[in-house]
Amino acid sequence: MVGSAAERTVDAMATTTKLQPRALVRASGGPRYAVALAVDALGTGLLRPFLLLYGMTVLRLSASATGIAMTVGVVVGLVCMPAVGRWLDRGARSTGLASHGSAALWGSLAAATPS
């Protein structure tokens, strides 16, 4: 036998596999899912700075109050996520969609209403 067990282990660890981006896209759910993730990440990245500016200029909140409000919103969303996911998995998809649409409608109306 040539070489010790440690040398064979090092040789085995030195073997690398080629990274194939197409395989990664297929493994993550397909190209449409990858595009949806990219759009979601871009939208979230663009939304947060504008929410901060909106809170400070339109609502006249301090930077710390706006940041705390945004943080509370994110934390509440994270806490609710398991329960909402379980609820949707049990078949309440149309109800969840309707409630999401209703919240979006009310938010749009509240933003469009002059104060």
N, C-alpha and C. Protein backbone atom coordinates (compact mmCIF):
# COMPACT_ATOMS: atom_id res chain seq x y z
N MET A 1 0.84 -1.17 0.00
CA MET A 1 0.00 0.00 0.00
C MET A 1 0.90 1.24 0.00
N VAL A 2 0.59 2.18 -0.85
CA VAL A 2 1.41 3.37 -0.98
C VAL A 2 0.81 4.47 -0.12
N GLY A 3 1.61 5.07 0.75
CA GLY A 3 1.19 6.20 1.57
C GLY A 3 0.39 5.76 2.77
N SER A 4 0.36 6.62 3.76
CA SER A 4 -0.38 6.32 4.98
C SER A 4 -1.85 6.73 4.82
N ALA A 5 -2.64 6.40 5.81
CA ALA A 5 -4.05 6.76 5.79
C ALA A 5 -4.23 8.27 5.79
N ALA A 6 -3.37 8.97 6.51
CA ALA A 6 -3.45 10.43 6.56
C ALA A 6 -3.18 11.04 5.19
N GLU A 7 -2.20 10.48 4.45
CA GLU A 7 -1.90 10.99 3.11
C GLU A 7 -3.07 10.75 2.16
N ARG A 8 -3.70 9.57 2.26
CA ARG A 8 -4.86 9.28 1.40
C ARG A 8 -6.01 10.22 1.73
N THR A 9 -6.20 10.54 3.01
CA THR A 9 -7.26 11.46 3.41
C THR A 9 -7.01 12.85 2.84
N VAL A 10 -5.77 13.31 2.92
CA VAL A 10 -5.43 14.62 2.37
C VAL A 10 -5.65 14.63 0.87
N ASP A 11 -5.26 13.55 0.17
CA ASP A 11 -5.48 13.47 -1.26
C ASP A 11 -6.97 13.49 -1.59
N ALA A 12 -7.77 12.80 -0.81
CA ALA A 12 -9.21 12.77 -1.05
C ALA A 12 -9.83 14.14 -0.80
N MET A 13 -9.33 14.86 0.20
CA MET A 13 -9.86 16.18 0.50
C MET A 13 -9.43 17.20 -0.54
N ALA A 14 -8.30 16.97 -1.19
CA ALA A 14 -7.81 17.91 -2.18
C ALA A 14 -8.59 17.81 -3.48
N THR A 15 -9.31 16.72 -3.69
CA THR A 15 -10.12 16.57 -4.88
C THR A 15 -11.28 17.55 -4.82
N THR A 16 -11.42 18.35 -5.84
CA THR A 16 -12.51 19.32 -5.88
C THR A 16 -13.45 18.98 -7.01
N THR A 17 -14.67 19.36 -6.85
CA THR A 17 -15.65 19.18 -7.92
C THR A 17 -15.88 20.52 -8.58
N LYS A 18 -16.23 20.47 -9.84
CA LYS A 18 -16.48 21.69 -10.58
C LYS A 18 -17.85 22.25 -10.19
N LEU A 19 -17.91 23.52 -9.95
CA LEU A 19 -19.16 24.17 -9.62
C LEU A 19 -19.93 24.43 -10.90
N GLN A 20 -21.15 23.95 -10.96
CA GLN A 20 -21.98 24.11 -12.16
C GLN A 20 -23.19 24.97 -11.81
N PRO A 21 -23.22 26.22 -12.26
CA PRO A 21 -24.32 27.11 -11.91
C PRO A 21 -25.68 26.59 -12.35
N ARG A 22 -25.75 25.94 -13.49
CA ARG A 22 -27.05 25.42 -13.95
C ARG A 22 -27.59 24.37 -13.00
N ALA A 23 -26.70 23.55 -12.48
CA ALA A 23 -27.14 22.52 -11.53
C ALA A 23 -27.65 23.17 -10.25
N LEU A 24 -27.02 24.27 -9.82
CA LEU A 24 -27.49 24.97 -8.63
C LEU A 24 -28.87 25.57 -8.86
N VAL A 25 -29.11 26.14 -10.04
CA VAL A 25 -30.41 26.72 -10.34
C VAL A 25 -31.47 25.63 -10.37
N ARG A 26 -31.16 24.49 -10.98
CA ARG A 26 -32.12 23.38 -11.03
C ARG A 26 -32.39 22.83 -9.64
N ALA A 27 -31.38 22.78 -8.80
CA ALA A 27 -31.54 22.23 -7.46
C ALA A 27 -32.38 23.15 -6.58
N SER A 28 -32.36 24.44 -6.85
CA SER A 28 -33.10 25.38 -6.01
C SER A 28 -34.54 25.58 -6.46
N GLY A 29 -35.00 24.85 -7.45
CA GLY A 29 -36.40 24.96 -7.84
C GLY A 29 -36.61 25.43 -9.26
N GLY A 30 -35.58 25.65 -9.99
CA GLY A 30 -35.72 26.03 -11.38
C GLY A 30 -35.43 27.50 -11.62
N PRO A 31 -35.33 27.87 -12.90
CA PRO A 31 -34.97 29.25 -13.24
C PRO A 31 -36.01 30.27 -12.81
N ARG A 32 -37.30 29.91 -12.88
CA ARG A 32 -38.32 30.89 -12.47
C ARG A 32 -38.20 31.21 -10.99
N TYR A 33 -37.91 30.19 -10.19
CA TYR A 33 -37.75 30.41 -8.76
C TYR A 33 -36.51 31.26 -8.48
N ALA A 34 -35.44 31.02 -9.22
CA ALA A 34 -34.22 31.80 -9.04
C ALA A 34 -34.46 33.27 -9.39
N VAL A 35 -35.21 33.51 -10.46
CA VAL A 35 -35.54 34.89 -10.85
C VAL A 35 -36.43 35.53 -9.79
N ALA A 36 -37.40 34.78 -9.27
CA ALA A 36 -38.27 35.31 -8.22
C ALA A 36 -37.48 35.68 -6.97
N LEU A 37 -36.51 34.85 -6.60
CA LEU A 37 -35.66 35.17 -5.45
C LEU A 37 -34.84 36.43 -5.69
N ALA A 38 -34.31 36.58 -6.90
CA ALA A 38 -33.51 37.77 -7.23
C ALA A 38 -34.38 39.02 -7.18
N VAL A 39 -35.59 38.97 -7.73
CA VAL A 39 -36.49 40.12 -7.70
C VAL A 39 -36.88 40.46 -6.27
N ASP A 40 -37.16 39.44 -5.46
CA ASP A 40 -37.52 39.66 -4.07
C ASP A 40 -36.38 40.31 -3.29
N ALA A 41 -35.17 39.82 -3.50
CA ALA A 41 -34.01 40.39 -2.81
C ALA A 41 -33.77 41.83 -3.24
N LEU A 42 -33.92 42.10 -4.53
CA LEU A 42 -33.74 43.47 -5.02
C LEU A 42 -34.81 44.39 -4.46
N GLY A 43 -36.06 43.92 -4.47
CA GLY A 43 -37.15 44.74 -3.95
C GLY A 43 -37.00 45.03 -2.47
N THR A 44 -36.61 44.04 -1.70
CA THR A 44 -36.41 44.24 -0.27
C THR A 44 -35.25 45.19 -0.02
N GLY A 45 -34.21 45.05 -0.79
CA GLY A 45 -33.06 45.94 -0.64
C GLY A 45 -33.37 47.38 -0.99
N LEU A 46 -34.29 47.58 -1.93
CA LEU A 46 -34.66 48.95 -2.29
C LEU A 46 -35.74 49.51 -1.38
N LEU A 47 -36.57 48.65 -0.79
CA LEU A 47 -37.68 49.13 0.02
C LEU A 47 -37.23 49.72 1.35
N ARG A 48 -36.34 49.07 2.03
CA ARG A 48 -36.00 49.48 3.39
C ARG A 48 -35.43 50.90 3.49
N PRO A 49 -34.51 51.32 2.63
CA PRO A 49 -34.03 52.71 2.75
C PRO A 49 -35.15 53.73 2.50
N PHE A 50 -36.06 53.40 1.57
CA PHE A 50 -37.15 54.33 1.31
C PHE A 50 -38.16 54.35 2.45
N LEU A 51 -38.35 53.22 3.13
CA LEU A 51 -39.21 53.23 4.31
C LEU A 51 -38.61 54.10 5.41
N LEU A 52 -37.32 54.05 5.55
CA LEU A 52 -36.65 54.90 6.54
C LEU A 52 -36.86 56.37 6.21
N LEU A 53 -36.66 56.73 4.95
CA LEU A 53 -36.89 58.11 4.54
C LEU A 53 -38.34 58.52 4.69
N TYR A 54 -39.26 57.62 4.36
CA TYR A 54 -40.70 57.91 4.51
C TYR A 54 -41.04 58.18 5.97
N GLY A 55 -40.53 57.35 6.86
CA GLY A 55 -40.82 57.54 8.28
C GLY A 55 -40.26 58.84 8.82
N MET A 56 -39.10 59.23 8.32
CA MET A 56 -38.47 60.45 8.83
C MET A 56 -39.05 61.71 8.21
N THR A 57 -39.35 61.69 6.91
CA THR A 57 -39.79 62.93 6.26
C THR A 57 -41.30 63.09 6.26
N VAL A 58 -42.05 62.06 5.95
CA VAL A 58 -43.50 62.19 5.85
C VAL A 58 -44.16 62.05 7.22
N LEU A 59 -43.76 61.04 7.97
CA LEU A 59 -44.37 60.81 9.28
C LEU A 59 -43.72 61.63 10.38
N ARG A 60 -42.62 62.28 10.08
CA ARG A 60 -41.89 63.14 11.02
C ARG A 60 -41.45 62.39 12.28
N LEU A 61 -41.01 61.15 12.11
CA LEU A 61 -40.46 60.38 13.22
C LEU A 61 -38.95 60.57 13.26
N SER A 62 -38.37 60.36 14.41
CA SER A 62 -36.91 60.42 14.49
C SER A 62 -36.33 59.18 13.83
N ALA A 63 -35.04 59.22 13.56
CA ALA A 63 -34.38 58.07 12.93
C ALA A 63 -34.46 56.84 13.82
N SER A 64 -34.30 57.02 15.11
CA SER A 64 -34.36 55.87 16.02
C SER A 64 -35.77 55.30 16.10
N ALA A 65 -36.79 56.15 16.15
CA ALA A 65 -38.18 55.67 16.20
C ALA A 65 -38.54 54.93 14.91
N THR A 66 -38.09 55.45 13.78
CA THR A 66 -38.35 54.78 12.51
C THR A 66 -37.65 53.43 12.46
N GLY A 67 -36.40 53.40 12.90
CA GLY A 67 -35.66 52.14 12.92
C GLY A 67 -36.28 51.12 13.85
N ILE A 68 -36.75 51.57 15.00
CA ILE A 68 -37.41 50.65 15.95
C ILE A 68 -38.70 50.12 15.34
N ALA A 69 -39.48 50.99 14.70
CA ALA A 69 -40.73 50.55 14.07
C ALA A 69 -40.45 49.52 12.97
N MET A 70 -39.42 49.75 12.17
CA MET A 70 -39.08 48.79 11.12
C MET A 70 -38.60 47.47 11.72
N THR A 71 -37.82 47.55 12.79
CA THR A 71 -37.33 46.34 13.44
C THR A 71 -38.47 45.54 14.04
N VAL A 72 -39.41 46.22 14.69
CA VAL A 72 -40.57 45.54 15.27
C VAL A 72 -41.37 44.85 14.17
N GLY A 73 -41.54 45.52 13.03
CA GLY A 73 -42.27 44.90 11.93
C GLY A 73 -41.60 43.64 11.41
N VAL A 74 -40.29 43.67 11.29
CA VAL A 74 -39.56 42.49 10.82
C VAL A 74 -39.64 41.35 11.84
N VAL A 75 -39.49 41.68 13.11
CA VAL A 75 -39.53 40.65 14.16
C VAL A 75 -40.93 40.03 14.24
N VAL A 76 -41.98 40.84 14.16
CA VAL A 76 -43.34 40.30 14.18
C VAL A 76 -43.56 39.39 12.97
N GLY A 77 -43.05 39.80 11.81
CA GLY A 77 -43.17 38.95 10.63
C GLY A 77 -42.46 37.62 10.80
N LEU A 78 -41.28 37.64 11.40
CA LEU A 78 -40.54 36.40 11.63
C LEU A 78 -41.24 35.50 12.64
N VAL A 79 -41.81 36.09 13.68
CA VAL A 79 -42.51 35.30 14.69
C VAL A 79 -43.77 34.67 14.11
N CYS A 80 -44.47 35.38 13.25
CA CYS A 80 -45.72 34.88 12.67
C CYS A 80 -45.49 33.86 11.56
N MET A 81 -44.33 33.83 10.98
CA MET A 81 -44.08 33.00 9.80
C MET A 81 -44.37 31.51 10.00
N PRO A 82 -43.94 30.86 11.08
CA PRO A 82 -44.26 29.42 11.22
C PRO A 82 -45.76 29.14 11.29
N ALA A 83 -46.50 29.97 12.03
CA ALA A 83 -47.94 29.76 12.15
C ALA A 83 -48.64 30.00 10.81
N VAL A 84 -48.25 31.03 10.11
CA VAL A 84 -48.86 31.32 8.80
C VAL A 84 -48.51 30.23 7.80
N GLY A 85 -47.28 29.75 7.83
CA GLY A 85 -46.88 28.67 6.93
C GLY A 85 -47.67 27.41 7.18
N ARG A 86 -47.86 27.05 8.43
CA ARG A 86 -48.66 25.87 8.78
C ARG A 86 -50.10 26.06 8.33
N TRP A 87 -50.64 27.26 8.54
CA TRP A 87 -52.01 27.58 8.15
C TRP A 87 -52.19 27.44 6.64
N LEU A 88 -51.23 27.97 5.87
CA LEU A 88 -51.30 27.87 4.41
C LEU A 88 -51.12 26.44 3.93
N ASP A 89 -50.26 25.67 4.59
CA ASP A 89 -50.06 24.28 4.20
C ASP A 89 -51.30 23.43 4.43
N ARG A 90 -52.13 23.83 5.36
CA ARG A 90 -53.35 23.07 5.64
C ARG A 90 -54.48 23.41 4.66
N GLY A 91 -54.24 24.31 3.72
CA GLY A 91 -55.23 24.55 2.68
C GLY A 91 -55.88 25.91 2.69
N ALA A 92 -55.42 26.85 3.46
CA ALA A 92 -56.03 28.17 3.53
C ALA A 92 -55.38 29.14 2.54
N ARG A 93 -55.02 28.65 1.37
CA ARG A 93 -54.30 29.50 0.43
C ARG A 93 -55.15 30.67 -0.06
N SER A 94 -56.40 30.43 -0.40
CA SER A 94 -57.23 31.52 -0.92
C SER A 94 -57.51 32.55 0.17
N THR A 95 -57.69 32.12 1.41
CA THR A 95 -57.90 33.05 2.51
C THR A 95 -56.64 33.88 2.76
N GLY A 96 -55.50 33.23 2.71
CA GLY A 96 -54.24 33.95 2.90
C GLY A 96 -54.00 34.96 1.80
N LEU A 97 -54.31 34.57 0.57
CA LEU A 97 -54.16 35.48 -0.55
C LEU A 97 -55.10 36.67 -0.42
N ALA A 98 -56.33 36.41 0.00
CA ALA A 98 -57.29 37.49 0.17
C ALA A 98 -56.86 38.44 1.28
N SER A 99 -56.35 37.90 2.39
CA SER A 99 -55.92 38.77 3.49
C SER A 99 -54.70 39.60 3.10
N HIS A 100 -53.79 38.99 2.32
CA HIS A 100 -52.61 39.72 1.85
C HIS A 100 -53.04 40.84 0.90
N GLY A 101 -53.95 40.53 0.00
CA GLY A 101 -54.46 41.55 -0.93
C GLY A 101 -55.18 42.67 -0.21
N SER A 102 -55.95 42.30 0.81
CA SER A 102 -56.67 43.30 1.60
C SER A 102 -55.69 44.22 2.33
N ALA A 103 -54.65 43.65 2.91
CA ALA A 103 -53.65 44.47 3.60
C ALA A 103 -52.93 45.40 2.62
N ALA A 104 -52.64 44.89 1.43
CA ALA A 104 -52.00 45.73 0.42
C ALA A 104 -52.92 46.86 -0.02
N LEU A 105 -54.20 46.55 -0.18
CA LEU A 105 -55.17 47.59 -0.58
C LEU A 105 -55.29 48.67 0.48
N TRP A 106 -55.44 48.26 1.75
CA TRP A 106 -55.55 49.24 2.82
C TRP A 106 -54.27 50.07 2.98
N GLY A 107 -53.13 49.43 2.82
CA GLY A 107 -51.88 50.17 2.89
C GLY A 107 -51.75 51.18 1.77
N SER A 108 -52.18 50.80 0.56
CA SER A 108 -52.12 51.72 -0.57
C SER A 108 -53.08 52.89 -0.37
N LEU A 109 -54.27 52.59 0.13
CA LEU A 109 -55.23 53.67 0.39
C LEU A 109 -54.73 54.62 1.47
N ALA A 110 -54.11 54.06 2.50
CA ALA A 110 -53.59 54.90 3.59
C ALA A 110 -52.44 55.78 3.08
N ALA A 111 -51.62 55.24 2.19
CA ALA A 111 -50.51 56.03 1.67
C ALA A 111 -51.00 57.10 0.70
N ALA A 112 -52.10 56.83 -0.02
CA ALA A 112 -52.60 57.79 -1.01
C ALA A 112 -53.46 58.87 -0.40
N THR A 113 -53.96 58.63 0.80
CA THR A 113 -54.84 59.61 1.44
C THR A 113 -54.03 60.77 1.99
N PRO A 114 -54.38 61.99 1.58
CA PRO A 114 -53.64 63.14 2.12
C PRO A 114 -53.97 63.35 3.60
N SER A 115 -52.97 63.76 4.36
CA SER A 115 -53.20 63.93 5.79
C SER A 115 -53.62 65.33 6.15
